[in-house]
Amino acid sequence: MKEQAKRSTIYLDEALHKALRMKAASTGSTISELVNDAVRDSLREDQEDLAAFEERVKEPEVSYEALLKDLKAHGKI
């Protein structure tokens, strides 16, 4: 069963709107489908980033200054 869509007004840059219209026409999609896909992709990336942060939460924190000293000590800079 398909979810019921909610209507929303968004304002796009004119050039972006034109590009979306052209892409929708060339792919047989609607602008709404393209926007929904883009938002889903963005939220999925956010979720992946948050998961990566959670995995690394127990790693020791290194200050920028300490990183620079370590790089210099190992002849990297």
PDB file of N, CA and C in Angstrom:
ATOM      1  N   MET A   1       0.844  -1.179   0.000  1.00  0.00           N
ATOM      2  CA  MET A   1       0.000   0.000   0.000  1.00  0.00           C
ATOM      3  C   MET A   1       0.889   1.243   0.000  1.00  0.00           C
ATOM      4  N   LYS A   2       0.652   2.158  -0.898  1.00  0.00           N
ATOM      5  CA  LYS A   2       1.456   3.368  -1.028  1.00  0.00           C
ATOM      6  C   LYS A   2       1.094   4.363   0.069  1.00  0.00           C
ATOM      7  N   GLU A   3       2.139   4.986   0.641  1.00  0.00           N
ATOM      8  CA  GLU A   3       1.908   5.990   1.678  1.00  0.00           C
ATOM      9  C   GLU A   3       1.233   7.218   1.081  1.00  0.00           C
ATOM     10  N   GLN A   4       0.413   7.857   1.883  1.00  0.00           N
ATOM     11  CA  GLN A   4      -0.236   9.077   1.422  1.00  0.00           C
ATOM     12  C   GLN A   4       0.768  10.217   1.488  1.00  0.00           C
ATOM     13  N   ALA A   5       0.841  10.982   0.420  1.00  0.00           N
ATOM     14  CA  ALA A   5       1.786  12.097   0.341  1.00  0.00           C
ATOM     15  C   ALA A   5       1.214  13.326   1.035  1.00  0.00           C
ATOM     16  N   LYS A   6       2.096  14.141   1.560  1.00  0.00           N
ATOM     17  CA  LYS A   6       1.735  15.434   2.147  1.00  0.00           C
ATOM     18  C   LYS A   6       2.153  16.518   1.173  1.00  0.00           C
ATOM     19  N   ARG A   7       1.335  17.504   1.033  1.00  0.00           N
ATOM     20  CA  ARG A   7       1.627  18.607   0.135  1.00  0.00           C
ATOM     21  C   ARG A   7       2.437  19.657   0.884  1.00  0.00           C
ATOM     22  N   SER A   8       3.452  20.198   0.206  1.00  0.00           N
ATOM     23  CA  SER A   8       4.298  21.219   0.802  1.00  0.00           C
ATOM     24  C   SER A   8       4.753  22.174  -0.286  1.00  0.00           C
ATOM     25  N   THR A   9       4.886  23.420   0.068  1.00  0.00           N
ATOM     26  CA  THR A   9       5.395  24.407  -0.876  1.00  0.00           C
ATOM     27  C   THR A   9       6.866  24.630  -0.602  1.00  0.00           C
ATOM     28  N   ILE A  10       7.681  24.505  -1.646  1.00  0.00           N
ATOM     29  CA  ILE A  10       9.104  24.809  -1.517  1.00  0.00           C
ATOM     30  C   ILE A  10       9.460  25.805  -2.610  1.00  0.00           C
ATOM     31  N   TYR A  11      10.487  26.569  -2.373  1.00  0.00           N
ATOM     32  CA  TYR A  11      10.924  27.555  -3.342  1.00  0.00           C
ATOM     33  C   TYR A  11      12.309  27.154  -3.832  1.00  0.00           C
ATOM     34  N   LEU A  12      12.420  26.965  -5.130  1.00  0.00           N
ATOM     35  CA  LEU A  12      13.672  26.546  -5.733  1.00  0.00           C
ATOM     36  C   LEU A  12      14.268  27.670  -6.554  1.00  0.00           C
ATOM     37  N   ASP A  13      15.578  27.684  -6.600  1.00  0.00           N
ATOM     38  CA  ASP A  13      16.273  28.567  -7.512  1.00  0.00           C
ATOM     39  C   ASP A  13      15.759  28.264  -8.925  1.00  0.00           C
ATOM     40  N   GLU A  14      15.593  29.285  -9.726  1.00  0.00           N
ATOM     41  CA  GLU A  14      15.022  29.117 -11.061  1.00  0.00           C
ATOM     42  C   GLU A  14      15.798  28.104 -11.908  1.00  0.00           C
ATOM     43  N   ALA A  15      17.115  28.160 -11.845  1.00  0.00           N
ATOM     44  CA  ALA A  15      17.931  27.236 -12.632  1.00  0.00           C
ATOM     45  C   ALA A  15      17.776  25.799 -12.138  1.00  0.00           C
ATOM     46  N   LEU A  16      17.679  25.614 -10.817  1.00  0.00           N
ATOM     47  CA  LEU A  16      17.468  24.280 -10.274  1.00  0.00           C
ATOM     48  C   LEU A  16      16.107  23.732 -10.690  1.00  0.00           C
ATOM     49  N   HIS A  17      15.105  24.591 -10.669  1.00  0.00           N
ATOM     50  CA  HIS A  17      13.761  24.166 -11.074  1.00  0.00           C
ATOM     51  C   HIS A  17      13.760  23.729 -12.535  1.00  0.00           C
ATOM     52  N   LYS A  18      14.425  24.487 -13.367  1.00  0.00           N
ATOM     53  CA  LYS A  18      14.506  24.137 -14.787  1.00  0.00           C
ATOM     54  C   LYS A  18      15.214  22.797 -14.964  1.00  0.00           C
ATOM     55  N   ALA A  19      16.326  22.607 -14.237  1.00  0.00           N
ATOM     56  CA  ALA A  19      17.058  21.350 -14.334  1.00  0.00           C
ATOM     57  C   ALA A  19      16.205  20.179 -13.853  1.00  0.00           C
ATOM     58  N   LEU A  20      15.457  20.380 -12.774  1.00  0.00           N
ATOM     59  CA  LEU A  20      14.574  19.323 -12.273  1.00  0.00           C
ATOM     60  C   LEU A  20      13.483  18.984 -13.285  1.00  0.00           C
ATOM     61  N   ARG A  21      12.880  20.010 -13.884  1.00  0.00           N
ATOM     62  CA  ARG A  21      11.839  19.770 -14.901  1.00  0.00           C
ATOM     63  C   ARG A  21      12.399  18.959 -16.057  1.00  0.00           C
ATOM     64  N   MET A  22      13.599  19.335 -16.513  1.00  0.00           N
ATOM     65  CA  MET A  22      14.214  18.632 -17.631  1.00  0.00           C
ATOM     66  C   MET A  22      14.565  17.187 -17.252  1.00  0.00           C
ATOM     67  N   LYS A  23      15.098  17.000 -16.046  1.00  0.00           N
ATOM     68  CA  LYS A  23      15.440  15.649 -15.607  1.00  0.00           C
ATOM     69  C   LYS A  23      14.176  14.809 -15.457  1.00  0.00           C
ATOM     70  N   ALA A  24      13.138  15.397 -14.895  1.00  0.00           N
ATOM     71  CA  ALA A  24      11.876  14.667 -14.741  1.00  0.00           C
ATOM     72  C   ALA A  24      11.346  14.225 -16.097  1.00  0.00           C
ATOM     73  N   ALA A  25      11.386  15.119 -17.061  1.00  0.00           N
ATOM     74  CA  ALA A  25      10.886  14.791 -18.399  1.00  0.00           C
ATOM     75  C   ALA A  25      11.732  13.705 -19.056  1.00  0.00           C
ATOM     76  N   SER A  26      13.045  13.799 -18.871  1.00  0.00           N
ATOM     77  CA  SER A  26      13.916  12.832 -19.553  1.00  0.00           C
ATOM     78  C   SER A  26      13.918  11.463 -18.880  1.00  0.00           C
ATOM     79  N   THR A  27      13.558  11.401 -17.594  1.00  0.00           N
ATOM     80  CA  THR A  27      13.571  10.125 -16.887  1.00  0.00           C
ATOM     81  C   THR A  27      12.181   9.528 -16.706  1.00  0.00           C
ATOM     82  N   GLY A  28      11.161  10.284 -17.102  1.00  0.00           N
ATOM     83  CA  GLY A  28       9.796   9.796 -16.914  1.00  0.00           C
ATOM     84  C   GLY A  28       9.338   9.851 -15.469  1.00  0.00           C
ATOM     85  N   SER A  29      10.000  10.687 -14.680  1.00  0.00           N
ATOM     86  CA  SER A  29       9.654  10.867 -13.270  1.00  0.00           C
ATOM     87  C   SER A  29       8.936  12.195 -13.102  1.00  0.00           C
ATOM     88  N   THR A  30       8.465  12.428 -11.905  1.00  0.00           N
ATOM     89  CA  THR A  30       7.911  13.740 -11.582  1.00  0.00           C
ATOM     90  C   THR A  30       8.939  14.499 -10.753  1.00  0.00           C
ATOM     91  N   ILE A  31       8.766  15.813 -10.686  1.00  0.00           N
ATOM     92  CA  ILE A  31       9.640  16.617  -9.827  1.00  0.00           C
ATOM     93  C   ILE A  31       9.506  16.132  -8.386  1.00  0.00           C
ATOM     94  N   SER A  32       8.297  15.826  -7.951  1.00  0.00           N
ATOM     95  CA  SER A  32       8.088  15.336  -6.586  1.00  0.00           C
ATOM     96  C   SER A  32       8.865  14.051  -6.330  1.00  0.00           C
ATOM     97  N   GLU A  33       8.870  13.127  -7.279  1.00  0.00           N
ATOM     98  CA  GLU A  33       9.628  11.884  -7.112  1.00  0.00           C
ATOM     99  C   GLU A  33      11.117  12.168  -6.998  1.00  0.00           C
ATOM    100  N   LEU A  34      11.623  13.069  -7.840  1.00  0.00           N
ATOM    101  CA  LEU A  34      13.044  13.409  -7.783  1.00  0.00           C
ATOM    102  C   LEU A  34      13.409  14.061  -6.455  1.00  0.00           C
ATOM    103  N   VAL A  35      12.570  14.980  -5.985  1.00  0.00           N
ATOM    104  CA  VAL A  35      12.835  15.660  -4.713  1.00  0.00           C
ATOM    105  C   VAL A  35      12.753  14.663  -3.563  1.00  0.00           C
ATOM    106  N   ASN A  36      11.731  13.803  -3.567  1.00  0.00           N
ATOM    107  CA  ASN A  36      11.620  12.784  -2.518  1.00  0.00           C
ATOM    108  C   ASN A  36      12.853  11.879  -2.498  1.00  0.00           C
ATOM    109  N   ASP A  37      13.310  11.451  -3.673  1.00  0.00           N
ATOM    110  CA  ASP A  37      14.504  10.605  -3.747  1.00  0.00           C
ATOM    111  C   ASP A  37      15.725  11.329  -3.198  1.00  0.00           C
ATOM    112  N   ALA A  38      15.886  12.597  -3.547  1.00  0.00           N
ATOM    113  CA  ALA A  38      17.032  13.373  -3.075  1.00  0.00           C
ATOM    114  C   ALA A  38      16.993  13.553  -1.557  1.00  0.00           C
ATOM    115  N   VAL A  39      15.820  13.825  -1.016  1.00  0.00           N
ATOM    116  CA  VAL A  39      15.688  13.995   0.435  1.00  0.00           C
ATOM    117  C   VAL A  39      15.960  12.675   1.134  1.00  0.00           C
ATOM    118  N   ARG A  40      15.415  11.580   0.606  1.00  0.00           N
ATOM    119  CA  ARG A  40      15.680  10.258   1.179  1.00  0.00           C
ATOM    120  C   ARG A  40      17.182   9.963   1.197  1.00  0.00           C
ATOM    121  N   ASP A  41      17.852  10.233   0.066  1.00  0.00           N
ATOM    122  CA  ASP A  41      19.302  10.003  -0.011  1.00  0.00           C
ATOM    123  C   ASP A  41      20.043  10.834   1.027  1.00  0.00           C
ATOM    124  N   SER A  42      19.654  12.084   1.175  1.00  0.00           N
ATOM    125  CA  SER A  42      20.309  12.960   2.142  1.00  0.00           C
ATOM    126  C   SER A  42      20.096  12.459   3.572  1.00  0.00           C
ATOM    127  N   LEU A  43      18.879  12.052   3.901  1.00  0.00           N
ATOM    128  CA  LEU A  43      18.594  11.538   5.243  1.00  0.00           C
ATOM    129  C   LEU A  43      19.322  10.222   5.492  1.00  0.00           C
ATOM    130  N   ARG A  44      19.426   9.382   4.471  1.00  0.00           N
ATOM    131  CA  ARG A  44      20.157   8.120   4.585  1.00  0.00           C
ATOM    132  C   ARG A  44      21.641   8.401   4.875  1.00  0.00           C
ATOM    133  N   GLU A  45      22.208   9.388   4.182  1.00  0.00           N
ATOM    134  CA  GLU A  45      23.606   9.767   4.435  1.00  0.00           C
ATOM    135  C   GLU A  45      23.784  10.276   5.862  1.00  0.00           C
ATOM    136  N   ASP A  46      22.817  11.076   6.329  1.00  0.00           N
ATOM    137  CA  ASP A  46      22.881  11.562   7.716  1.00  0.00           C
ATOM    138  C   ASP A  46      22.871  10.395   8.690  1.00  0.00           C
ATOM    139  N   GLN A  47      22.002   9.417   8.429  1.00  0.00           N
ATOM    140  CA  GLN A  47      21.913   8.254   9.310  1.00  0.00           C
ATOM    141  C   GLN A  47      23.220   7.473   9.305  1.00  0.00           C
ATOM    142  N   GLU A  48      23.828   7.313   8.147  1.00  0.00           N
ATOM    143  CA  GLU A  48      25.111   6.619   8.051  1.00  0.00           C
ATOM    144  C   GLU A  48      26.203   7.389   8.793  1.00  0.00           C
ATOM    145  N   ASP A  49      26.196   8.722   8.668  1.00  0.00           N
ATOM    146  CA  ASP A  49      27.176   9.549   9.388  1.00  0.00           C
ATOM    147  C   ASP A  49      27.008   9.399  10.897  1.00  0.00           C
ATOM    148  N   LEU A  50      25.762   9.436  11.367  1.00  0.00           N
ATOM    149  CA  LEU A  50      25.514   9.294  12.803  1.00  0.00           C
ATOM    150  C   LEU A  50      25.961   7.921  13.293  1.00  0.00           C
ATOM    151  N   ALA A  51      25.748   6.884  12.503  1.00  0.00           N
ATOM    152  CA  ALA A  51      26.196   5.541  12.874  1.00  0.00           C
ATOM    153  C   ALA A  51      27.723   5.501  12.951  1.00  0.00           C
ATOM    154  N   ALA A  52      28.395   6.154  12.011  1.00  0.00           N
ATOM    155  CA  ALA A  52      29.861   6.188  12.019  1.00  0.00           C
ATOM    156  C   ALA A  52      30.370   6.931  13.257  1.00  0.00           C
ATOM    157  N   PHE A  53      29.705   8.027  13.612  1.00  0.00           N
ATOM    158  CA  PHE A  53      30.102   8.762  14.818  1.00  0.00           C
ATOM    159  C   PHE A  53      29.936   7.872  16.047  1.00  0.00           C
ATOM    160  N   GLU A  54      28.834   7.139  16.102  1.00  0.00           N
ATOM    161  CA  GLU A  54      28.561   6.261  17.241  1.00  0.00           C
ATOM    162  C   GLU A  54      29.638   5.176  17.354  1.00  0.00           C
ATOM    163  N   GLU A  55      30.065   4.633  16.218  1.00  0.00           N
ATOM    164  CA  GLU A  55      31.105   3.610  16.222  1.00  0.00           C
ATOM    165  C   GLU A  55      32.433   4.155  16.740  1.00  0.00           C
ATOM    166  N   ARG A  56      32.681   5.435  16.519  1.00  0.00           N
ATOM    167  CA  ARG A  56      33.974   6.025  16.873  1.00  0.00           C
ATOM    168  C   ARG A  56      33.947   6.778  18.196  1.00  0.00           C
ATOM    169  N   VAL A  57      32.829   6.751  18.900  1.00  0.00           N
ATOM    170  CA  VAL A  57      32.675   7.554  20.113  1.00  0.00           C
ATOM    171  C   VAL A  57      33.726   7.202  21.174  1.00  0.00           C
ATOM    172  N   LYS A  58      34.207   5.965  21.203  1.00  0.00           N
ATOM    173  CA  LYS A  58      35.173   5.558  22.232  1.00  0.00           C
ATOM    174  C   LYS A  58      36.621   5.767  21.805  1.00  0.00           C
ATOM    175  N   GLU A  59      36.827   6.241  20.581  1.00  0.00           N
ATOM    176  CA  GLU A  59      38.194   6.522  20.146  1.00  0.00           C
ATOM    177  C   GLU A  59      38.718   7.747  20.890  1.00  0.00           C
ATOM    178  N   PRO A  60      40.016   7.750  21.192  1.00  0.00           N
ATOM    179  CA  PRO A  60      40.554   8.916  21.899  1.00  0.00           C
ATOM    180  C   PRO A  60      40.494  10.165  21.016  1.00  0.00           C
ATOM    181  N   GLU A  61      40.248  11.267  21.664  1.00  0.00           N
ATOM    182  CA  GLU A  61      40.194  12.537  20.958  1.00  0.00           C
ATOM    183  C   GLU A  61      41.602  13.118  20.879  1.00  0.00           C
ATOM    184  N   VAL A  62      41.969  13.614  19.710  1.00  0.00           N
ATOM    185  CA  VAL A  62      43.285  14.200  19.507  1.00  0.00           C
ATOM    186  C   VAL A  62      43.087  15.660  19.100  1.00  0.00           C
ATOM    187  N   SER A  63      43.775  16.544  19.807  1.00  0.00           N
ATOM    188  CA  SER A  63      43.657  17.961  19.470  1.00  0.00           C
ATOM    189  C   SER A  63      44.410  18.244  18.175  1.00  0.00           C
ATOM    190  N   TYR A  64      44.089  19.337  17.558  1.00  0.00           N
ATOM    191  CA  TYR A  64      44.760  19.744  16.325  1.00  0.00           C
ATOM    192  C   TYR A  64      46.249  19.954  16.591  1.00  0.00           C
ATOM    193  N   GLU A  65      46.560  20.606  17.706  1.00  0.00           N
ATOM    194  CA  GLU A  65      47.963  20.854  18.055  1.00  0.00           C
ATOM    195  C   GLU A  65      48.730  19.545  18.233  1.00  0.00           C
ATOM    196  N   ALA A  66      48.115  18.573  18.912  1.00  0.00           N
ATOM    197  CA  ALA A  66      48.769  17.274  19.117  1.00  0.00           C
ATOM    198  C   ALA A  66      48.969  16.554  17.792  1.00  0.00           C
ATOM    199  N   LEU A  67      48.006  16.670  16.905  1.00  0.00           N
ATOM    200  CA  LEU A  67      48.127  16.054  15.584  1.00  0.00           C
ATOM    201  C   LEU A  67      49.308  16.654  14.820  1.00  0.00           C
ATOM    202  N   LEU A  68      49.421  17.984  14.856  1.00  0.00           N
ATOM    203  CA  LEU A  68      50.537  18.644  14.170  1.00  0.00           C
ATOM    204  C   LEU A  68      51.885  18.220  14.746  1.00  0.00           C
ATOM    205  N   LYS A  69      51.977  18.135  16.081  1.00  0.00           N
ATOM    206  CA  LYS A  69      53.225  17.702  16.721  1.00  0.00           C
ATOM    207  C   LYS A  69      53.576  16.277  16.293  1.00  0.00           C
ATOM    208  N   ASP A  70      52.585  15.397  16.232  1.00  0.00           N
ATOM    209  CA  ASP A  70      52.816  14.019  15.823  1.00  0.00           C
ATOM    210  C   ASP A  70      53.281  13.933  14.369  1.00  0.00           C
ATOM    211  N   LEU A  71      52.637  14.719  13.500  1.00  0.00           N
ATOM    212  CA  LEU A  71      53.046  14.734  12.094  1.00  0.00           C
ATOM    213  C   LEU A  71      54.486  15.218  11.951  1.00  0.00           C
ATOM    214  N   LYS A  72      54.841  16.259  12.726  1.00  0.00           N
ATOM    215  CA  LYS A  72      56.209  16.783  12.660  1.00  0.00           C
ATOM    216  C   LYS A  72      57.204  15.763  13.207  1.00  0.00           C
ATOM    217  N   ALA A  73      56.833  15.119  14.297  1.00  0.00           N
ATOM    218  CA  ALA A  73      57.717  14.128  14.911  1.00  0.00           C
ATOM    219  C   ALA A  73      58.002  12.939  13.990  1.00  0.00           C
ATOM    220  N   HIS A  74      57.061  12.645  13.124  1.00  0.00           N
ATOM    221  CA  HIS A  74      57.224  11.521  12.207  1.00  0.00           C
ATOM    222  C   HIS A  74      57.644  11.969  10.809  1.00  0.00           C
ATOM    223  N   GLY A  75      58.087  13.221  10.691  1.00  0.00           N
ATOM    224  CA  GLY A  75      58.616  13.724   9.432  1.00  0.00           C
ATOM    225  C   GLY A  75      57.587  13.881   8.326  1.00  0.00           C
ATOM    226  N   LYS A  76      56.341  14.022   8.683  1.00  0.00           N
ATOM    227  CA  LYS A  76      55.285  14.176   7.672  1.00  0.00           C
ATOM    228  C   LYS A  76      55.101  15.621   7.247  1.00  0.00           C
ATOM    229  N   ILE A  77      55.503  16.523   8.127  1.00  0.00           N
ATOM    230  CA  ILE A  77      55.451  17.960   7.771  1.00  0.00           C
ATOM    231  C   ILE A  77      56.740  18.631   8.224  1.00  0.00           C
TER     232      ILE A  77
END
